[in-house]
Amino acid sequence: MITIYHNPRCSKSRAACDLITNTYNSANEATEIVEYLKQPLTVAELKELNAQLGCPVHEMIRDTEAEYKELNLADPSLTDAQLFEALAKHPILLQRPIVVRNGRAVIGRPPENVVTLFA
């Protein structure tokens, strides 16, 4: 199963979906596309996703969104728990797309990053 956390308004997210569908998913694995702005992830789901990504929580956060500045998420004293809460309450902050396959995940920026899940 391939899961893509997707924002259809994002060109990088659309490009990653296209690459998976047309190039990398030659075995026709089942694919679930989650529009995370319509179906926000819970804190527990975000923690699981973070474990699959294997990166600091901050790398999951888009620092170009207005909410990032409004919530002062650059503050180094914020805990991971606080960052997960911010992501759960403000899903626009989640990096996109994030692709999960076989228990591993990558952020598809650039979209070609997803190839590592199929190598």
PDB file of N, CA and C in Angstrom:
ATOM      1  N   MET A   1       0.847  -1.186   0.000  1.00  0.00           N
ATOM      2  CA  MET A   1       0.000   0.000   0.000  1.00  0.00           C
ATOM      3  C   MET A   1       0.886   1.241   0.000  1.00  0.00           C
ATOM      4  N   ILE A   2       0.563   2.149  -0.862  1.00  0.00           N
ATOM      5  CA  ILE A   2       1.233   3.446  -0.942  1.00  0.00           C
ATOM      6  C   ILE A   2       0.235   4.485  -0.442  1.00  0.00           C
ATOM      7  N   THR A   3       0.660   5.321   0.487  1.00  0.00           N
ATOM      8  CA  THR A   3      -0.189   6.403   0.978  1.00  0.00           C
ATOM      9  C   THR A   3       0.486   7.719   0.631  1.00  0.00           C
ATOM     10  N   ILE A   4      -0.293   8.614   0.045  1.00  0.00           N
ATOM     11  CA  ILE A   4       0.230   9.927  -0.324  1.00  0.00           C
ATOM     12  C   ILE A   4      -0.578  10.985   0.422  1.00  0.00           C
ATOM     13  N   TYR A   5       0.094  11.748   1.270  1.00  0.00           N
ATOM     14  CA  TYR A   5      -0.539  12.879   1.946  1.00  0.00           C
ATOM     15  C   TYR A   5      -0.391  14.050   0.981  1.00  0.00           C
ATOM     16  N   HIS A   6      -1.518  14.471   0.451  1.00  0.00           N
ATOM     17  CA  HIS A   6      -1.547  15.265  -0.773  1.00  0.00           C
ATOM     18  C   HIS A   6      -2.375  16.538  -0.605  1.00  0.00           C
ATOM     19  N   ASN A   7      -1.892  17.591  -1.265  1.00  0.00           N
ATOM     20  CA  ASN A   7      -2.646  18.827  -1.403  1.00  0.00           C
ATOM     21  C   ASN A   7      -2.784  19.069  -2.907  1.00  0.00           C
ATOM     22  N   PRO A   8      -3.995  18.895  -3.456  1.00  0.00           N
ATOM     23  CA  PRO A   8      -4.157  19.009  -4.904  1.00  0.00           C
ATOM     24  C   PRO A   8      -3.836  20.390  -5.468  1.00  0.00           C
ATOM     25  N   ARG A   9      -3.765  21.407  -4.618  1.00  0.00           N
ATOM     26  CA  ARG A   9      -3.436  22.755  -5.097  1.00  0.00           C
ATOM     27  C   ARG A   9      -1.928  22.973  -5.226  1.00  0.00           C
ATOM     28  N   CYS A  10      -1.150  22.011  -4.753  1.00  0.00           N
ATOM     29  CA  CYS A  10       0.312  22.135  -4.750  1.00  0.00           C
ATOM     30  C   CYS A  10       0.904  21.428  -5.972  1.00  0.00           C
ATOM     31  N   SER A  11       1.686  22.156  -6.757  1.00  0.00           N
ATOM     32  CA  SER A  11       2.266  21.568  -7.968  1.00  0.00           C
ATOM     33  C   SER A  11       3.246  20.444  -7.648  1.00  0.00           C
ATOM     34  N   LYS A  12       4.006  20.562  -6.559  1.00  0.00           N
ATOM     35  CA  LYS A  12       4.953  19.505  -6.169  1.00  0.00           C
ATOM     36  C   LYS A  12       4.197  18.243  -5.768  1.00  0.00           C
ATOM     37  N   SER A  13       3.090  18.426  -5.080  1.00  0.00           N
ATOM     38  CA  SER A  13       2.277  17.291  -4.651  1.00  0.00           C
ATOM     39  C   SER A  13       1.666  16.592  -5.877  1.00  0.00           C
ATOM     40  N   ARG A  14       1.152  17.372  -6.802  1.00  0.00           N
ATOM     41  CA  ARG A  14       0.593  16.792  -8.034  1.00  0.00           C
ATOM     42  C   ARG A  14       1.669  16.067  -8.830  1.00  0.00           C
ATOM     43  N   ALA A  15       2.859  16.643  -8.885  1.00  0.00           N
ATOM     44  CA  ALA A  15       3.959  16.029  -9.630  1.00  0.00           C
ATOM     45  C   ALA A  15       4.372  14.699  -8.998  1.00  0.00           C
ATOM     46  N   ALA A  16       4.409  14.653  -7.681  1.00  0.00           N
ATOM     47  CA  ALA A  16       4.766  13.396  -7.005  1.00  0.00           C
ATOM     48  C   ALA A  16       3.711  12.326  -7.271  1.00  0.00           C
ATOM     49  N   CYS A  17       2.452  12.688  -7.231  1.00  0.00           N
ATOM     50  CA  CYS A  17       1.376  11.736  -7.544  1.00  0.00           C
ATOM     51  C   CYS A  17       1.526  11.207  -8.960  1.00  0.00           C
ATOM     52  N   ASP A  18       1.820  12.093  -9.889  1.00  0.00           N
ATOM     53  CA  ASP A  18       1.999  11.688 -11.282  1.00  0.00           C
ATOM     54  C   ASP A  18       3.191  10.743 -11.438  1.00  0.00           C
ATOM     55  N   LEU A  19       4.302  11.056 -10.775  1.00  0.00           N
ATOM     56  CA  LEU A  19       5.482  10.193 -10.866  1.00  0.00           C
ATOM     57  C   LEU A  19       5.182   8.793 -10.337  1.00  0.00           C
ATOM     58  N   ILE A  20       4.478   8.738  -9.204  1.00  0.00           N
ATOM     59  CA  ILE A  20       4.152   7.435  -8.623  1.00  0.00           C
ATOM     60  C   ILE A  20       3.229   6.662  -9.562  1.00  0.00           C
ATOM     61  N   THR A  21       2.178   7.317 -10.022  1.00  0.00           N
ATOM     62  CA  THR A  21       1.193   6.656 -10.876  1.00  0.00           C
ATOM     63  C   THR A  21       1.786   6.219 -12.207  1.00  0.00           C
ATOM     64  N   ASN A  22       2.557   7.077 -12.833  1.00  0.00           N
ATOM     65  CA  ASN A  22       3.006   6.825 -14.200  1.00  0.00           C
ATOM     66  C   ASN A  22       4.400   6.223 -14.337  1.00  0.00           C
ATOM     67  N   THR A  23       5.213   6.269 -13.274  1.00  0.00           N
ATOM     68  CA  THR A  23       6.586   5.812 -13.408  1.00  0.00           C
ATOM     69  C   THR A  23       6.977   4.756 -12.376  1.00  0.00           C
ATOM     70  N   TYR A  24       6.819   5.070 -11.099  1.00  0.00           N
ATOM     71  CA  TYR A  24       7.377   4.215 -10.054  1.00  0.00           C
ATOM     72  C   TYR A  24       6.490   3.046  -9.648  1.00  0.00           C
ATOM     73  N   ASN A  25       5.195   3.175  -9.773  1.00  0.00           N
ATOM     74  CA  ASN A  25       4.297   2.126  -9.304  1.00  0.00           C
ATOM     75  C   ASN A  25       3.994   1.117 -10.408  1.00  0.00           C
ATOM     76  N   SER A  26       5.040   0.516 -10.953  1.00  0.00           N
ATOM     77  CA  SER A  26       4.877  -0.430 -12.058  1.00  0.00           C
ATOM     78  C   SER A  26       4.158  -1.709 -11.618  1.00  0.00           C
ATOM     79  N   ALA A  27       4.183  -2.009 -10.325  1.00  0.00           N
ATOM     80  CA  ALA A  27       3.507  -3.213  -9.815  1.00  0.00           C
ATOM     81  C   ALA A  27       2.033  -2.953  -9.524  1.00  0.00           C
ATOM     82  N   ASN A  28       1.577  -1.736  -9.784  1.00  0.00           N
ATOM     83  CA  ASN A  28       0.173  -1.365  -9.542  1.00  0.00           C
ATOM     84  C   ASN A  28      -0.274  -1.607  -8.101  1.00  0.00           C
ATOM     85  N   GLU A  29       0.575  -1.224  -7.158  1.00  0.00           N
ATOM     86  CA  GLU A  29       0.213  -1.339  -5.743  1.00  0.00           C
ATOM     87  C   GLU A  29      -0.987  -0.446  -5.455  1.00  0.00           C
ATOM     88  N   ALA A  30      -1.787  -0.883  -4.498  1.00  0.00           N
ATOM     89  CA  ALA A  30      -2.909  -0.053  -4.060  1.00  0.00           C
ATOM     90  C   ALA A  30      -2.356   1.279  -3.547  1.00  0.00           C
ATOM     91  N   THR A  31      -3.038   2.351  -3.905  1.00  0.00           N
ATOM     92  CA  THR A  31      -2.594   3.686  -3.513  1.00  0.00           C
ATOM     93  C   THR A  31      -3.749   4.436  -2.871  1.00  0.00           C
ATOM     94  N   GLU A  32      -3.465   4.996  -1.710  1.00  0.00           N
ATOM     95  CA  GLU A  32      -4.453   5.822  -1.015  1.00  0.00           C
ATOM     96  C   GLU A  32      -3.949   7.258  -1.031  1.00  0.00           C
ATOM     97  N   ILE A  33      -4.800   8.151  -1.493  1.00  0.00           N
ATOM     98  CA  ILE A  33      -4.453   9.571  -1.488  1.00  0.00           C
ATOM     99  C   ILE A  33      -5.263  10.231  -0.384  1.00  0.00           C
ATOM    100  N   VAL A  34      -4.554  10.820   0.566  1.00  0.00           N
ATOM    101  CA  VAL A  34      -5.182  11.482   1.702  1.00  0.00           C
ATOM    102  C   VAL A  34      -5.024  12.987   1.523  1.00  0.00           C
ATOM    103  N   GLU A  35      -6.140  13.662   1.314  1.00  0.00           N
ATOM    104  CA  GLU A  35      -6.106  15.125   1.257  1.00  0.00           C
ATOM    105  C   GLU A  35      -6.134  15.635   2.696  1.00  0.00           C
ATOM    106  N   TYR A  36      -4.947  15.824   3.239  1.00  0.00           N
ATOM    107  CA  TYR A  36      -4.808  16.110   4.661  1.00  0.00           C
ATOM    108  C   TYR A  36      -5.416  17.443   5.097  1.00  0.00           C
ATOM    109  N   LEU A  37      -5.705  18.337   4.164  1.00  0.00           N
ATOM    110  CA  LEU A  37      -6.391  19.574   4.549  1.00  0.00           C
ATOM    111  C   LEU A  37      -7.862  19.298   4.828  1.00  0.00           C
ATOM    112  N   LYS A  38      -8.423  18.282   4.156  1.00  0.00           N
ATOM    113  CA  LYS A  38      -9.813  17.885   4.386  1.00  0.00           C
ATOM    114  C   LYS A  38      -9.915  16.860   5.511  1.00  0.00           C
ATOM    115  N   GLN A  39      -8.876  16.038   5.669  1.00  0.00           N
ATOM    116  CA  GLN A  39      -8.825  15.001   6.696  1.00  0.00           C
ATOM    117  C   GLN A  39      -7.550  15.195   7.512  1.00  0.00           C
ATOM    118  N   PRO A  40      -7.549  16.177   8.411  1.00  0.00           N
ATOM    119  CA  PRO A  40      -6.323  16.449   9.173  1.00  0.00           C
ATOM    120  C   PRO A  40      -5.873  15.239   9.990  1.00  0.00           C
ATOM    121  N   LEU A  41      -4.568  15.099  10.106  1.00  0.00           N
ATOM    122  CA  LEU A  41      -4.000  14.005  10.879  1.00  0.00           C
ATOM    123  C   LEU A  41      -4.067  14.323  12.361  1.00  0.00           C
ATOM    124  N   THR A  42      -4.223  13.279  13.157  1.00  0.00           N
ATOM    125  CA  THR A  42      -4.209  13.427  14.609  1.00  0.00           C
ATOM    126  C   THR A  42      -2.754  13.515  15.073  1.00  0.00           C
ATOM    127  N   VAL A  43      -2.577  13.872  16.324  1.00  0.00           N
ATOM    128  CA  VAL A  43      -1.223  13.902  16.881  1.00  0.00           C
ATOM    129  C   VAL A  43      -0.598  12.514  16.789  1.00  0.00           C
ATOM    130  N   ALA A  44      -1.356  11.473  17.099  1.00  0.00           N
ATOM    131  CA  ALA A  44      -0.833  10.100  17.036  1.00  0.00           C
ATOM    132  C   ALA A  44      -0.416   9.738  15.608  1.00  0.00           C
ATOM    133  N   GLU A  45      -1.220  10.112  14.623  1.00  0.00           N
ATOM    134  CA  GLU A  45      -0.876   9.835  13.224  1.00  0.00           C
ATOM    135  C   GLU A  45       0.364  10.614  12.797  1.00  0.00           C
ATOM    136  N   LEU A  46       0.475  11.844  13.257  1.00  0.00           N
ATOM    137  CA  LEU A  46       1.647  12.659  12.941  1.00  0.00           C
ATOM    138  C   LEU A  46       2.916  12.065  13.554  1.00  0.00           C
ATOM    139  N   LYS A  47       2.797  11.545  14.773  1.00  0.00           N
ATOM    140  CA  LYS A  47       3.957  10.914  15.420  1.00  0.00           C
ATOM    141  C   LYS A  47       4.390   9.671  14.649  1.00  0.00           C
ATOM    142  N   GLU A  48       3.425   8.878  14.205  1.00  0.00           N
ATOM    143  CA  GLU A  48       3.747   7.684  13.422  1.00  0.00           C
ATOM    144  C   GLU A  48       4.413   8.078  12.103  1.00  0.00           C
ATOM    145  N   LEU A  49       3.872   9.091  11.465  1.00  0.00           N
ATOM    146  CA  LEU A  49       4.444   9.578  10.212  1.00  0.00           C
ATOM    147  C   LEU A  49       5.870  10.077  10.431  1.00  0.00           C
ATOM    148  N   ASN A  50       6.085  10.773  11.523  1.00  0.00           N
ATOM    149  CA  ASN A  50       7.416  11.279  11.848  1.00  0.00           C
ATOM    150  C   ASN A  50       8.403  10.130  12.053  1.00  0.00           C
ATOM    151  N   ALA A  51       7.958   9.069  12.713  1.00  0.00           N
ATOM    152  CA  ALA A  51       8.827   7.907  12.912  1.00  0.00           C
ATOM    153  C   ALA A  51       9.184   7.273  11.564  1.00  0.00           C
ATOM    154  N   GLN A  52       8.228   7.228  10.652  1.00  0.00           N
ATOM    155  CA  GLN A  52       8.487   6.665   9.327  1.00  0.00           C
ATOM    156  C   GLN A  52       9.436   7.552   8.520  1.00  0.00           C
ATOM    157  N   LEU A  53       9.326   8.848   8.711  1.00  0.00           N
ATOM    158  CA  LEU A  53      10.216   9.786   8.024  1.00  0.00           C
ATOM    159  C   LEU A  53      11.627   9.736   8.610  1.00  0.00           C
ATOM    160  N   GLY A  54      11.704   9.524   9.922  1.00  0.00           N
ATOM    161  CA  GLY A  54      12.998   9.484  10.585  1.00  0.00           C
ATOM    162  C   GLY A  54      13.709  10.821  10.575  1.00  0.00           C
ATOM    163  N   CYS A  55      12.956  11.890  10.783  1.00  0.00           N
ATOM    164  CA  CYS A  55      13.539  13.231  10.768  1.00  0.00           C
ATOM    165  C   CYS A  55      13.047  14.016  11.978  1.00  0.00           C
ATOM    166  N   PRO A  56      13.711  15.128  12.296  1.00  0.00           N
ATOM    167  CA  PRO A  56      13.195  15.997  13.347  1.00  0.00           C
ATOM    168  C   PRO A  56      11.807  16.520  12.955  1.00  0.00           C
ATOM    169  N   VAL A  57      10.964  16.745  13.940  1.00  0.00           N
ATOM    170  CA  VAL A  57       9.598  17.218  13.695  1.00  0.00           C
ATOM    171  C   VAL A  57       9.621  18.498  12.865  1.00  0.00           C
ATOM    172  N   HIS A  58      10.572  19.353  13.140  1.00  0.00           N
ATOM    173  CA  HIS A  58      10.651  20.640  12.432  1.00  0.00           C
ATOM    174  C   HIS A  58      10.735  20.468  10.925  1.00  0.00           C
ATOM    175  N   GLU A  59      11.317  19.364  10.450  1.00  0.00           N
ATOM    176  CA  GLU A  59      11.439  19.147   9.009  1.00  0.00           C
ATOM    177  C   GLU A  59      10.092  18.819   8.371  1.00  0.00           C
ATOM    178  N   MET A  60       9.104  18.479   9.168  1.00  0.00           N
ATOM    179  CA  MET A  60       7.764  18.191   8.662  1.00  0.00           C
ATOM    180  C   MET A  60       6.939  19.460   8.494  1.00  0.00           C
ATOM    181  N   ILE A  61       7.465  20.581   8.968  1.00  0.00           N
ATOM    182  CA  ILE A  61       6.696  21.821   9.032  1.00  0.00           C
ATOM    183  C   ILE A  61       7.117  22.783   7.925  1.00  0.00           C
ATOM    184  N   ARG A  62       6.119  23.332   7.258  1.00  0.00           N
ATOM    185  CA  ARG A  62       6.360  24.353   6.227  1.00  0.00           C
ATOM    186  C   ARG A  62       6.572  25.700   6.921  1.00  0.00           C
ATOM    187  N   ASP A  63       7.775  26.223   6.826  1.00  0.00           N
ATOM    188  CA  ASP A  63       8.082  27.485   7.510  1.00  0.00           C
ATOM    189  C   ASP A  63       7.735  28.713   6.679  1.00  0.00           C
ATOM    190  N   THR A  64       7.124  28.494   5.506  1.00  0.00           N
ATOM    191  CA  THR A  64       6.743  29.623   4.655  1.00  0.00           C
ATOM    192  C   THR A  64       5.282  30.027   4.850  1.00  0.00           C
ATOM    193  N   GLU A  65       4.548  29.265   5.634  1.00  0.00           N
ATOM    194  CA  GLU A  65       3.134  29.586   5.867  1.00  0.00           C
ATOM    195  C   GLU A  65       3.004  30.667   6.930  1.00  0.00           C
ATOM    196  N   ALA A  66       1.975  31.499   6.796  1.00  0.00           N
ATOM    197  CA  ALA A  66       1.742  32.584   7.758  1.00  0.00           C
ATOM    198  C   ALA A  66       1.582  32.036   9.175  1.00  0.00           C
ATOM    199  N   GLU A  67       0.943  30.883   9.315  1.00  0.00           N
ATOM    200  CA  GLU A  67       0.718  30.281  10.629  1.00  0.00           C
ATOM    201  C   GLU A  67       2.035  29.973  11.348  1.00  0.00           C
ATOM    202  N   TYR A  68       3.064  29.673  10.587  1.00  0.00           N
ATOM    203  CA  TYR A  68       4.369  29.375  11.174  1.00  0.00           C
ATOM    204  C   TYR A  68       4.867  30.570  11.986  1.00  0.00           C
ATOM    205  N   LYS A  69       4.764  31.751  11.384  1.00  0.00           N
ATOM    206  CA  LYS A  69       5.201  32.964  12.077  1.00  0.00           C
ATOM    207  C   LYS A  69       4.232  33.344  13.193  1.00  0.00           C
ATOM    208  N   GLU A  70       2.934  33.253  12.904  1.00  0.00           N
ATOM    209  CA  GLU A  70       1.914  33.616  13.897  1.00  0.00           C
ATOM    210  C   GLU A  70       2.037  32.779  15.164  1.00  0.00           C
ATOM    211  N   LEU A  71       2.372  31.508  15.004  1.00  0.00           N
ATOM    212  CA  LEU A  71       2.471  30.603  16.152  1.00  0.00           C
ATOM    213  C   LEU A  71       3.878  30.563  16.743  1.00  0.00           C
ATOM    214  N   ASN A  72       4.791  31.336  16.159  1.00  0.00           N
ATOM    215  CA  ASN A  72       6.178  31.413  16.617  1.00  0.00           C
ATOM    216  C   ASN A  72       6.824  30.029  16.682  1.00  0.00           C
ATOM    217  N   LEU A  73       6.629  29.243  15.615  1.00  0.00           N
ATOM    218  CA  LEU A  73       7.127  27.873  15.613  1.00  0.00           C
ATOM    219  C   LEU A  73       8.639  27.774  15.416  1.00  0.00           C
ATOM    220  N   ALA A  74       9.292  28.882  15.153  1.00  0.00           N
ATOM    221  CA  ALA A  74      10.756  28.885  15.070  1.00  0.00           C
ATOM    222  C   ALA A  74      11.392  28.905  16.452  1.00  0.00           C
ATOM    223  N   ASP A  75      10.601  29.109  17.477  1.00  0.00           N
ATOM    224  CA  ASP A  75      11.099  29.168  18.856  1.00  0.00           C
ATOM    225  C   ASP A  75      11.766  27.838  19.212  1.00  0.00           C
ATOM    226  N   PRO A  76      13.072  27.854  19.479  1.00  0.00           N
ATOM    227  CA  PRO A  76      13.787  26.611  19.760  1.00  0.00           C
ATOM    228  C   PRO A  76      13.372  25.946  21.077  1.00  0.00           C
ATOM    229  N   SER A  77      12.657  26.662  21.915  1.00  0.00           N
ATOM    230  CA  SER A  77      12.242  26.067  23.193  1.00  0.00           C
ATOM    231  C   SER A  77      10.972  25.219  23.064  1.00  0.00           C
ATOM    232  N   LEU A  78      10.331  25.228  21.889  1.00  0.00           N
ATOM    233  CA  LEU A  78       9.126  24.426  21.704  1.00  0.00           C
ATOM    234  C   LEU A  78       9.478  22.941  21.704  1.00  0.00           C
ATOM    235  N   THR A  79       8.638  22.162  22.346  1.00  0.00           N
ATOM    236  CA  THR A  79       8.849  20.721  22.405  1.00  0.00           C
ATOM    237  C   THR A  79       8.257  20.047  21.168  1.00  0.00           C
ATOM    238  N   ASP A  80       8.650  18.812  20.945  1.00  0.00           N
ATOM    239  CA  ASP A  80       8.053  18.051  19.847  1.00  0.00           C
ATOM    240  C   ASP A  80       6.545  17.954  20.038  1.00  0.00           C
ATOM    241  N   ALA A  81       6.101  17.759  21.266  1.00  0.00           N
ATOM    242  CA  ALA A  81       4.666  17.658  21.538  1.00  0.00           C
ATOM    243  C   ALA A  81       3.944  18.926  21.102  1.00  0.00           C
ATOM    244  N   GLN A  82       4.529  20.079  21.360  1.00  0.00           N
ATOM    245  CA  GLN A  82       3.917  21.344  20.957  1.00  0.00           C
ATOM    246  C   GLN A  82       3.886  21.478  19.428  1.00  0.00           C
ATOM    247  N   LEU A  83       4.940  21.012  18.773  1.00  0.00           N
ATOM    248  CA  LEU A  83       4.984  21.077  17.312  1.00  0.00           C
ATOM    249  C   LEU A  83       3.950  20.136  16.694  1.00  0.00           C
ATOM    250  N   PHE A  84       3.807  18.938  17.256  1.00  0.00           N
ATOM    251  CA  PHE A  84       2.785  18.010  16.761  1.00  0.00           C
ATOM    252  C   PHE A  84       1.386  18.597  16.943  1.00  0.00           C
ATOM    253  N   GLU A  85       1.145  19.242  18.073  1.00  0.00           N
ATOM    254  CA  GLU A  85      -0.159  19.884  18.321  1.00  0.00           C
ATOM    255  C   GLU A  85      -0.428  20.970  17.275  1.00  0.00           C
ATOM    256  N   ALA A  86       0.589  21.764  16.979  1.00  0.00           N
ATOM    257  CA  ALA A  86       0.428  22.827  15.982  1.00  0.00           C
ATOM    258  C   ALA A  86       0.099  22.232  14.615  1.00  0.00           C
ATOM    259  N   LEU A  87       0.784  21.145  14.244  1.00  0.00           N
ATOM    260  CA  LEU A  87       0.504  20.485  12.969  1.00  0.00           C
ATOM    261  C   LEU A  87      -0.912  19.918  12.934  1.00  0.00           C
ATOM    262  N   ALA A  88      -1.348  19.348  14.040  1.00  0.00           N
ATOM    263  CA  ALA A  88      -2.696  18.767  14.088  1.00  0.00           C
ATOM    264  C   ALA A  88      -3.769  19.852  13.970  1.00  0.00           C
ATOM    265  N   LYS A  89      -3.525  20.988  14.593  1.00  0.00           N
ATOM    266  CA  LYS A  89      -4.515  22.075  14.579  1.00  0.00           C
ATOM    267  C   LYS A  89      -4.449  22.908  13.302  1.00  0.00           C
ATOM    268  N   HIS A  90      -3.296  22.924  12.652  1.00  0.00           N
ATOM    269  CA  HIS A  90      -3.078  23.747  11.457  1.00  0.00           C
ATOM    270  C   HIS A  90      -2.454  22.873  10.367  1.00  0.00           C
ATOM    271  N   PRO A  91      -3.252  22.022   9.736  1.00  0.00           N
ATOM    272  CA  PRO A  91      -2.686  21.070   8.770  1.00  0.00           C
ATOM    273  C   PRO A  91      -1.993  21.723   7.574  1.00  0.00           C
ATOM    274  N   ILE A  92      -2.265  22.983   7.304  1.00  0.00           N
ATOM    275  CA  ILE A  92      -1.591  23.684   6.212  1.00  0.00           C
ATOM    276  C   ILE A  92      -0.075  23.720   6.438  1.00  0.00           C
ATOM    277  N   LEU A  93       0.347  23.537   7.686  1.00  0.00           N
ATOM    278  CA  LEU A  93       1.763  23.584   8.029  1.00  0.00           C
ATOM    279  C   LEU A  93       2.525  22.321   7.634  1.00  0.00           C
ATOM    280  N   LEU A  94       1.819  21.236   7.336  1.00  0.00           N
ATOM    281  CA  LEU A  94       2.483  19.974   7.022  1.00  0.00           C
ATOM    282  C   LEU A  94       3.164  20.047   5.651  1.00  0.00           C
ATOM    283  N   GLN A  95       4.421  19.614   5.614  1.00  0.00           N
ATOM    284  CA  GLN A  95       5.125  19.524   4.332  1.00  0.00           C
ATOM    285  C   GLN A  95       4.309  18.652   3.389  1.00  0.00           C
ATOM    286  N   ARG A  96       4.430  18.922   2.103  1.00  0.00           N
ATOM    287  CA  ARG A  96       3.682  18.145   1.133  1.00  0.00           C
ATOM    288  C   ARG A  96       4.492  17.963  -0.133  1.00  0.00           C
ATOM    289  N   PRO A  97       4.241  16.865  -0.769  1.00  0.00           N
ATOM    290  CA  PRO A  97       3.513  15.694  -0.309  1.00  0.00           C
ATOM    291  C   PRO A  97       4.417  14.839   0.586  1.00  0.00           C
ATOM    292  N   ILE A  98       3.800  13.971   1.348  1.00  0.00           N
ATOM    293  CA  ILE A  98       4.542  12.946   2.080  1.00  0.00           C
ATOM    294  C   ILE A  98       4.023  11.614   1.557  1.00  0.00           C
ATOM    295  N   VAL A  99       4.952  10.756   1.162  1.00  0.00           N
ATOM    296  CA  VAL A  99       4.590   9.458   0.598  1.00  0.00           C
ATOM    297  C   VAL A  99       5.104   8.364   1.528  1.00  0.00           C
ATOM    298  N   VAL A 100       4.220   7.396   1.815  1.00  0.00           N
ATOM    299  CA  VAL A 100       4.554   6.290   2.707  1.00  0.00           C
ATOM    300  C   VAL A 100       4.420   4.982   1.934  1.00  0.00           C
ATOM    301  N   ARG A 101       5.419   4.129   2.091  1.00  0.00           N
ATOM    302  CA  ARG A 101       5.389   2.804   1.464  1.00  0.00           C
ATOM    303  C   ARG A 101       6.243   1.858   2.298  1.00  0.00           C
ATOM    304  N   ASN A 102       5.710   0.689   2.599  1.00  0.00           N
ATOM    305  CA  ASN A 102       6.440  -0.349   3.338  1.00  0.00           C
ATOM    306  C   ASN A 102       7.066   0.166   4.638  1.00  0.00           C
ATOM    307  N   GLY A 103       6.315   0.993   5.372  1.00  0.00           N
ATOM    308  CA  GLY A 103       6.783   1.473   6.671  1.00  0.00           C
ATOM    309  C   GLY A 103       7.796   2.597   6.621  1.00  0.00           C
ATOM    310  N   ARG A 104       8.124   3.064   5.431  1.00  0.00           N
ATOM    311  CA  ARG A 104       9.052   4.188   5.276  1.00  0.00           C
ATOM    312  C   ARG A 104       8.328   5.336   4.615  1.00  0.00           C
ATOM    313  N   ALA A 105       8.817   6.548   4.861  1.00  0.00           N
ATOM    314  CA  ALA A 105       8.180   7.731   4.275  1.00  0.00           C
ATOM    315  C   ALA A 105       9.248   8.708   3.813  1.00  0.00           C
ATOM    316  N   VAL A 106       8.867   9.525   2.826  1.00  0.00           N
ATOM    317  CA  VAL A 106       9.722  10.618   2.361  1.00  0.00           C
ATOM    318  C   VAL A 106       8.847  11.834   2.085  1.00  0.00           C
ATOM    319  N   ILE A 107       9.470  12.983   2.201  1.00  0.00           N
ATOM    320  CA  ILE A 107       8.828  14.228   1.797  1.00  0.00           C
ATOM    321  C   ILE A 107       9.171  14.418   0.320  1.00  0.00           C
ATOM    322  N   GLY A 108       8.152  14.565  -0.506  1.00  0.00           N
ATOM    323  CA  GLY A 108       8.338  14.649  -1.951  1.00  0.00           C
ATOM    324  C   GLY A 108       8.655  16.039  -2.450  1.00  0.00           C
ATOM    325  N   ARG A 109       9.639  16.672  -1.859  1.00  0.00           N
ATOM    326  CA  ARG A 109      10.110  17.975  -2.305  1.00  0.00           C
ATOM    327  C   ARG A 109      11.613  17.874  -2.458  1.00  0.00           C
ATOM    328  N   PRO A 110      12.106  17.736  -3.641  1.00  0.00           N
ATOM    329  CA  PRO A 110      11.403  17.695  -4.919  1.00  0.00           C
ATOM    330  C   PRO A 110      10.685  16.357  -5.112  1.00  0.00           C
ATOM    331  N   PRO A 111       9.758  16.310  -6.047  1.00  0.00           N
ATOM    332  CA  PRO A 111       8.970  15.097  -6.259  1.00  0.00           C
ATOM    333  C   PRO A 111       9.821  13.854  -6.502  1.00  0.00           C
ATOM    334  N   GLU A 112      10.980  14.012  -7.094  1.00  0.00           N
ATOM    335  CA  GLU A 112      11.857  12.872  -7.386  1.00  0.00           C
ATOM    336  C   GLU A 112      12.351  12.156  -6.128  1.00  0.00           C
ATOM    337  N   ASN A 113      12.201  12.777  -4.955  1.00  0.00           N
ATOM    338  CA  ASN A 113      12.589  12.122  -3.700  1.00  0.00           C
ATOM    339  C   ASN A 113      11.844  10.802  -3.491  1.00  0.00           C
ATOM    340  N   VAL A 114      10.668  10.678  -4.077  1.00  0.00           N
ATOM    341  CA  VAL A 114       9.858   9.473  -3.832  1.00  0.00           C
ATOM    342  C   VAL A 114      10.506   8.225  -4.425  1.00  0.00           C
ATOM    343  N   VAL A 115      11.439   8.378  -5.346  1.00  0.00           N
ATOM    344  CA  VAL A 115      12.089   7.213  -5.957  1.00  0.00           C
ATOM    345  C   VAL A 115      12.747   6.337  -4.897  1.00  0.00           C
ATOM    346  N   THR A 116      13.211   6.923  -3.801  1.00  0.00           N
ATOM    347  CA  THR A 116      13.896   6.141  -2.771  1.00  0.00           C
ATOM    348  C   THR A 116      12.987   5.071  -2.156  1.00  0.00           C
ATOM    349  N   LEU A 117      11.684   5.274  -2.212  1.00  0.00           N
ATOM    350  CA  LEU A 117      10.746   4.275  -1.679  1.00  0.00           C
ATOM    351  C   LEU A 117      10.547   3.105  -2.631  1.00  0.00           C
ATOM    352  N   PHE A 118      10.989   3.250  -3.862  1.00  0.00           N
ATOM    353  CA  PHE A 118      10.777   2.218  -4.882  1.00  0.00           C
ATOM    354  C   PHE A 118      12.084   1.558  -5.325  1.00  0.00           C
ATOM    355  N   ALA A 119      13.201   2.001  -4.758  1.00  0.00           N
ATOM    356  CA  ALA A 119      14.506   1.454  -5.157  1.00  0.00           C
ATOM    357  C   ALA A 119      14.777   0.129  -4.465  1.00  0.00           C
TER     358      ALA A 119
END
